[in-house]
Amino acid sequence: MRTIVRTPSSTPAPVAKPRPACAGADPELFFAHALSTVQIARAKAICATCPLMASCLDGALERGEEHGVWGGLTEDERSFLKRRAARGHVASAA
């Protein structure tokens, strides 16, 4: 009679990548044509809980995203960061 012995796998389990907090949210909340102060506050509240907020903002700045809320900042706030960086102040928002 044969016996099968199972040994634990030496391959580590895959590490789950963090999901963006906005993944299940309505995109219109972040990208509506004219964001209201209520929409901005809701979008920023979601961003504030996101483990990827800093990388999201960095990516938006690198790509030159002009519309919507990215990494917890509005279009105007990202524009301010870009102008400030261009003048030689803080180069990274994170």
N, C-alpha and C. Protein backbone atom coordinates (compact mmCIF):
# COMPACT_ATOMS: atom_id res chain seq x y z
N MET A 1 0.83 -1.17 0.00
CA MET A 1 0.00 0.00 0.00
C MET A 1 0.88 1.25 0.00
N ARG A 2 0.53 2.24 -0.82
CA ARG A 2 1.31 3.47 -0.91
C ARG A 2 0.70 4.52 0.00
N THR A 3 1.59 5.35 0.55
CA THR A 3 1.16 6.46 1.39
C THR A 3 1.64 7.75 0.76
N ILE A 4 0.77 8.71 0.66
CA ILE A 4 1.15 10.00 0.12
C ILE A 4 1.38 10.95 1.28
N VAL A 5 2.57 11.51 1.30
CA VAL A 5 2.91 12.46 2.35
C VAL A 5 3.00 13.83 1.71
N ARG A 6 2.24 14.75 2.21
CA ARG A 6 2.28 16.11 1.68
C ARG A 6 3.20 16.96 2.55
N THR A 7 4.08 17.64 1.88
CA THR A 7 4.98 18.54 2.60
C THR A 7 4.62 19.97 2.25
N PRO A 8 4.88 20.89 3.15
CA PRO A 8 4.56 22.29 2.83
C PRO A 8 5.36 22.77 1.62
N SER A 9 4.75 23.58 0.84
CA SER A 9 5.39 24.11 -0.35
C SER A 9 6.49 25.08 0.06
N SER A 10 7.60 25.04 -0.65
CA SER A 10 8.68 25.96 -0.35
C SER A 10 8.48 27.29 -1.06
N THR A 11 7.49 27.34 -1.94
CA THR A 11 7.19 28.57 -2.66
C THR A 11 6.35 29.47 -1.76
N PRO A 12 6.81 30.69 -1.53
CA PRO A 12 6.03 31.58 -0.68
C PRO A 12 4.69 31.95 -1.34
N ALA A 13 3.72 32.17 -0.51
CA ALA A 13 2.41 32.58 -1.01
C ALA A 13 2.55 33.96 -1.65
N PRO A 14 1.81 34.20 -2.71
CA PRO A 14 1.90 35.52 -3.35
C PRO A 14 1.44 36.62 -2.39
N VAL A 15 2.14 37.72 -2.45
CA VAL A 15 1.80 38.84 -1.59
C VAL A 15 0.72 39.67 -2.29
N ALA A 16 -0.33 39.94 -1.56
CA ALA A 16 -1.42 40.72 -2.15
C ALA A 16 -0.99 42.17 -2.31
N LYS A 17 -1.22 42.71 -3.50
CA LYS A 17 -0.90 44.11 -3.75
C LYS A 17 -2.00 44.96 -3.12
N PRO A 18 -1.61 46.10 -2.57
CA PRO A 18 -2.65 46.95 -2.00
C PRO A 18 -3.59 47.46 -3.08
N ARG A 19 -4.85 47.51 -2.76
CA ARG A 19 -5.85 48.04 -3.69
C ARG A 19 -6.07 49.51 -3.42
N PRO A 20 -6.24 50.29 -4.45
CA PRO A 20 -6.53 51.70 -4.23
C PRO A 20 -7.91 51.84 -3.59
N ALA A 21 -8.04 52.78 -2.69
CA ALA A 21 -9.30 52.99 -1.98
C ALA A 21 -10.41 53.40 -2.94
N CYS A 22 -10.07 53.98 -4.07
CA CYS A 22 -11.07 54.45 -5.03
C CYS A 22 -11.56 53.35 -5.96
N ALA A 23 -11.01 52.15 -5.84
CA ALA A 23 -11.31 51.08 -6.79
C ALA A 23 -12.81 50.79 -6.92
N GLY A 24 -13.55 50.86 -5.84
CA GLY A 24 -14.97 50.57 -5.92
C GLY A 24 -15.85 51.80 -5.98
N ALA A 25 -15.24 52.96 -5.98
CA ALA A 25 -16.01 54.21 -5.96
C ALA A 25 -16.45 54.61 -7.37
N ASP A 26 -17.46 55.43 -7.43
CA ASP A 26 -17.95 55.96 -8.70
C ASP A 26 -16.92 56.93 -9.27
N PRO A 27 -16.40 56.68 -10.47
CA PRO A 27 -15.39 57.57 -11.05
C PRO A 27 -15.86 59.01 -11.19
N GLU A 28 -17.16 59.22 -11.33
CA GLU A 28 -17.69 60.58 -11.44
C GLU A 28 -17.38 61.41 -10.21
N LEU A 29 -17.20 60.74 -9.09
CA LEU A 29 -16.86 61.45 -7.86
C LEU A 29 -15.51 62.14 -7.99
N PHE A 30 -14.60 61.55 -8.75
CA PHE A 30 -13.25 62.06 -8.92
C PHE A 30 -13.07 62.86 -10.21
N PHE A 31 -13.93 62.63 -11.19
CA PHE A 31 -13.71 63.21 -12.52
C PHE A 31 -14.92 63.91 -13.11
N ALA A 32 -15.86 64.33 -12.30
CA ALA A 32 -17.03 65.05 -12.83
C ALA A 32 -16.56 66.31 -13.54
N HIS A 33 -17.33 66.75 -14.50
CA HIS A 33 -16.95 67.93 -15.30
C HIS A 33 -16.64 69.13 -14.40
N ALA A 34 -17.51 69.41 -13.48
CA ALA A 34 -17.29 70.51 -12.53
C ALA A 34 -17.48 69.96 -11.13
N LEU A 35 -16.39 69.71 -10.45
CA LEU A 35 -16.47 69.13 -9.11
C LEU A 35 -16.99 70.16 -8.12
N SER A 36 -17.98 69.75 -7.33
CA SER A 36 -18.50 70.61 -6.28
C SER A 36 -17.62 70.44 -5.05
N THR A 37 -17.76 71.34 -4.10
CA THR A 37 -16.97 71.22 -2.87
C THR A 37 -17.33 69.96 -2.11
N VAL A 38 -18.58 69.51 -2.22
CA VAL A 38 -19.00 68.26 -1.56
C VAL A 38 -18.31 67.07 -2.22
N GLN A 39 -18.28 67.05 -3.56
CA GLN A 39 -17.60 65.96 -4.27
C GLN A 39 -16.12 65.94 -3.95
N ILE A 40 -15.51 67.09 -3.92
CA ILE A 40 -14.08 67.17 -3.62
C ILE A 40 -13.82 66.64 -2.22
N ALA A 41 -14.64 67.02 -1.26
CA ALA A 41 -14.46 66.55 0.12
C ALA A 41 -14.63 65.03 0.20
N ARG A 42 -15.61 64.48 -0.52
CA ARG A 42 -15.82 63.02 -0.52
C ARG A 42 -14.64 62.31 -1.18
N ALA A 43 -14.18 62.83 -2.31
CA ALA A 43 -13.05 62.22 -3.01
C ALA A 43 -11.79 62.25 -2.13
N LYS A 44 -11.55 63.39 -1.50
CA LYS A 44 -10.37 63.51 -0.64
C LYS A 44 -10.47 62.60 0.58
N ALA A 45 -11.68 62.39 1.10
CA ALA A 45 -11.86 61.48 2.23
C ALA A 45 -11.50 60.05 1.83
N ILE A 46 -11.87 59.67 0.62
CA ILE A 46 -11.51 58.33 0.13
C ILE A 46 -10.00 58.25 -0.05
N CYS A 47 -9.42 59.27 -0.65
CA CYS A 47 -7.96 59.29 -0.86
C CYS A 47 -7.21 59.19 0.47
N ALA A 48 -7.72 59.83 1.49
CA ALA A 48 -7.04 59.86 2.78
C ALA A 48 -6.91 58.47 3.40
N THR A 49 -7.75 57.54 2.99
CA THR A 49 -7.69 56.17 3.53
C THR A 49 -6.88 55.23 2.64
N CYS A 50 -6.36 55.75 1.54
CA CYS A 50 -5.72 54.91 0.54
C CYS A 50 -4.24 54.65 0.83
N PRO A 51 -3.82 53.37 0.76
CA PRO A 51 -2.41 53.05 0.96
C PRO A 51 -1.54 53.48 -0.22
N LEU A 52 -2.17 53.86 -1.33
CA LEU A 52 -1.42 54.22 -2.53
C LEU A 52 -1.49 55.72 -2.83
N MET A 53 -1.93 56.52 -1.87
CA MET A 53 -2.16 57.93 -2.10
C MET A 53 -0.91 58.66 -2.62
N ALA A 54 0.22 58.45 -2.00
CA ALA A 54 1.44 59.15 -2.41
C ALA A 54 1.87 58.75 -3.82
N SER A 55 1.82 57.46 -4.13
CA SER A 55 2.23 57.02 -5.47
C SER A 55 1.22 57.47 -6.52
N CYS A 56 -0.05 57.57 -6.15
CA CYS A 56 -1.07 58.07 -7.06
C CYS A 56 -0.78 59.53 -7.40
N LEU A 57 -0.48 60.32 -6.39
CA LEU A 57 -0.17 61.73 -6.61
C LEU A 57 1.09 61.89 -7.44
N ASP A 58 2.12 61.15 -7.11
CA ASP A 58 3.37 61.21 -7.88
C ASP A 58 3.12 60.88 -9.35
N GLY A 59 2.34 59.83 -9.59
CA GLY A 59 2.03 59.43 -10.97
C GLY A 59 1.24 60.50 -11.70
N ALA A 60 0.28 61.10 -11.01
CA ALA A 60 -0.53 62.17 -11.63
C ALA A 60 0.34 63.36 -11.99
N LEU A 61 1.28 63.70 -11.13
CA LEU A 61 2.18 64.82 -11.41
C LEU A 61 3.10 64.50 -12.57
N GLU A 62 3.62 63.27 -12.62
CA GLU A 62 4.51 62.86 -13.71
C GLU A 62 3.78 62.84 -15.05
N ARG A 63 2.53 62.38 -15.04
CA ARG A 63 1.75 62.29 -16.28
C ARG A 63 1.13 63.62 -16.67
N GLY A 64 1.13 64.58 -15.76
CA GLY A 64 0.52 65.87 -16.04
C GLY A 64 -1.00 65.82 -16.06
N GLU A 65 -1.57 65.00 -15.19
CA GLU A 65 -3.04 64.91 -15.11
C GLU A 65 -3.60 66.30 -14.83
N GLU A 66 -4.50 66.73 -15.68
CA GLU A 66 -5.05 68.08 -15.55
C GLU A 66 -6.42 68.11 -14.90
N HIS A 67 -7.11 66.99 -14.85
CA HIS A 67 -8.49 66.99 -14.37
C HIS A 67 -8.68 65.98 -13.25
N GLY A 68 -9.61 66.29 -12.36
CA GLY A 68 -9.99 65.35 -11.32
C GLY A 68 -9.15 65.44 -10.06
N VAL A 69 -9.51 64.58 -9.12
CA VAL A 69 -8.79 64.46 -7.86
C VAL A 69 -7.88 63.24 -7.96
N TRP A 70 -6.59 63.47 -7.75
CA TRP A 70 -5.58 62.40 -7.80
C TRP A 70 -4.72 62.52 -6.55
N GLY A 71 -4.53 61.42 -5.85
CA GLY A 71 -3.66 61.44 -4.68
C GLY A 71 -4.10 62.45 -3.62
N GLY A 72 -5.39 62.71 -3.57
CA GLY A 72 -5.93 63.61 -2.56
C GLY A 72 -5.84 65.08 -2.91
N LEU A 73 -5.41 65.41 -4.11
CA LEU A 73 -5.31 66.82 -4.50
C LEU A 73 -6.15 67.12 -5.74
N THR A 74 -6.69 68.32 -5.76
CA THR A 74 -7.48 68.78 -6.90
C THR A 74 -6.55 69.28 -8.00
N GLU A 75 -7.16 69.63 -9.11
CA GLU A 75 -6.41 70.19 -10.25
C GLU A 75 -5.60 71.41 -9.83
N ASP A 76 -6.27 72.32 -9.12
CA ASP A 76 -5.61 73.56 -8.69
C ASP A 76 -4.46 73.28 -7.71
N GLU A 77 -4.67 72.35 -6.81
CA GLU A 77 -3.62 72.02 -5.83
C GLU A 77 -2.41 71.38 -6.50
N ARG A 78 -2.66 70.52 -7.49
CA ARG A 78 -1.54 69.92 -8.23
C ARG A 78 -0.82 70.97 -9.05
N SER A 79 -1.58 71.87 -9.62
CA SER A 79 -0.99 72.96 -10.41
C SER A 79 -0.08 73.81 -9.54
N PHE A 80 -0.53 74.10 -8.33
CA PHE A 80 0.28 74.87 -7.38
C PHE A 80 1.59 74.14 -7.07
N LEU A 81 1.50 72.82 -6.85
CA LEU A 81 2.72 72.03 -6.58
C LEU A 81 3.68 72.09 -7.76
N LYS A 82 3.15 71.99 -8.97
CA LYS A 82 4.00 72.03 -10.16
C LYS A 82 4.70 73.38 -10.30
N ARG A 83 3.93 74.45 -10.09
CA ARG A 83 4.53 75.79 -10.17
C ARG A 83 5.60 75.96 -9.10
N ARG A 84 5.31 75.49 -7.92
CA ARG A 84 6.26 75.61 -6.81
C ARG A 84 7.54 74.82 -7.11
N ALA A 85 7.37 73.61 -7.65
CA ALA A 85 8.53 72.79 -8.00
C ALA A 85 9.34 73.45 -9.11
N ALA A 86 8.66 74.08 -10.05
CA ALA A 86 9.35 74.75 -11.14
C ALA A 86 10.19 75.93 -10.65
N ARG A 87 9.75 76.53 -9.56
CA ARG A 87 10.50 77.64 -8.98
C ARG A 87 11.64 77.15 -8.09
N GLY A 88 11.78 75.84 -7.98
CA GLY A 88 12.89 75.28 -7.21
C GLY A 88 12.59 74.94 -5.78
N HIS A 89 11.32 74.98 -5.40
CA HIS A 89 10.96 74.59 -4.04
C HIS A 89 10.81 73.06 -3.97
N VAL A 90 9.93 72.57 -3.17
CA VAL A 90 9.76 71.13 -2.97
C VAL A 90 9.49 70.46 -4.30
N ALA A 91 10.34 69.49 -4.65
CA ALA A 91 10.23 68.81 -5.93
C ALA A 91 9.24 67.65 -5.88
N SER A 92 9.02 67.05 -4.72
CA SER A 92 8.14 65.91 -4.59
C SER A 92 7.00 66.25 -3.65
N ALA A 93 5.82 65.81 -3.99
CA ALA A 93 4.65 66.08 -3.15
C ALA A 93 4.54 65.07 -2.03
N ALA A 94 5.18 63.94 -2.16
CA ALA A 94 5.07 62.89 -1.15
C ALA A 94 6.03 63.12 -0.08
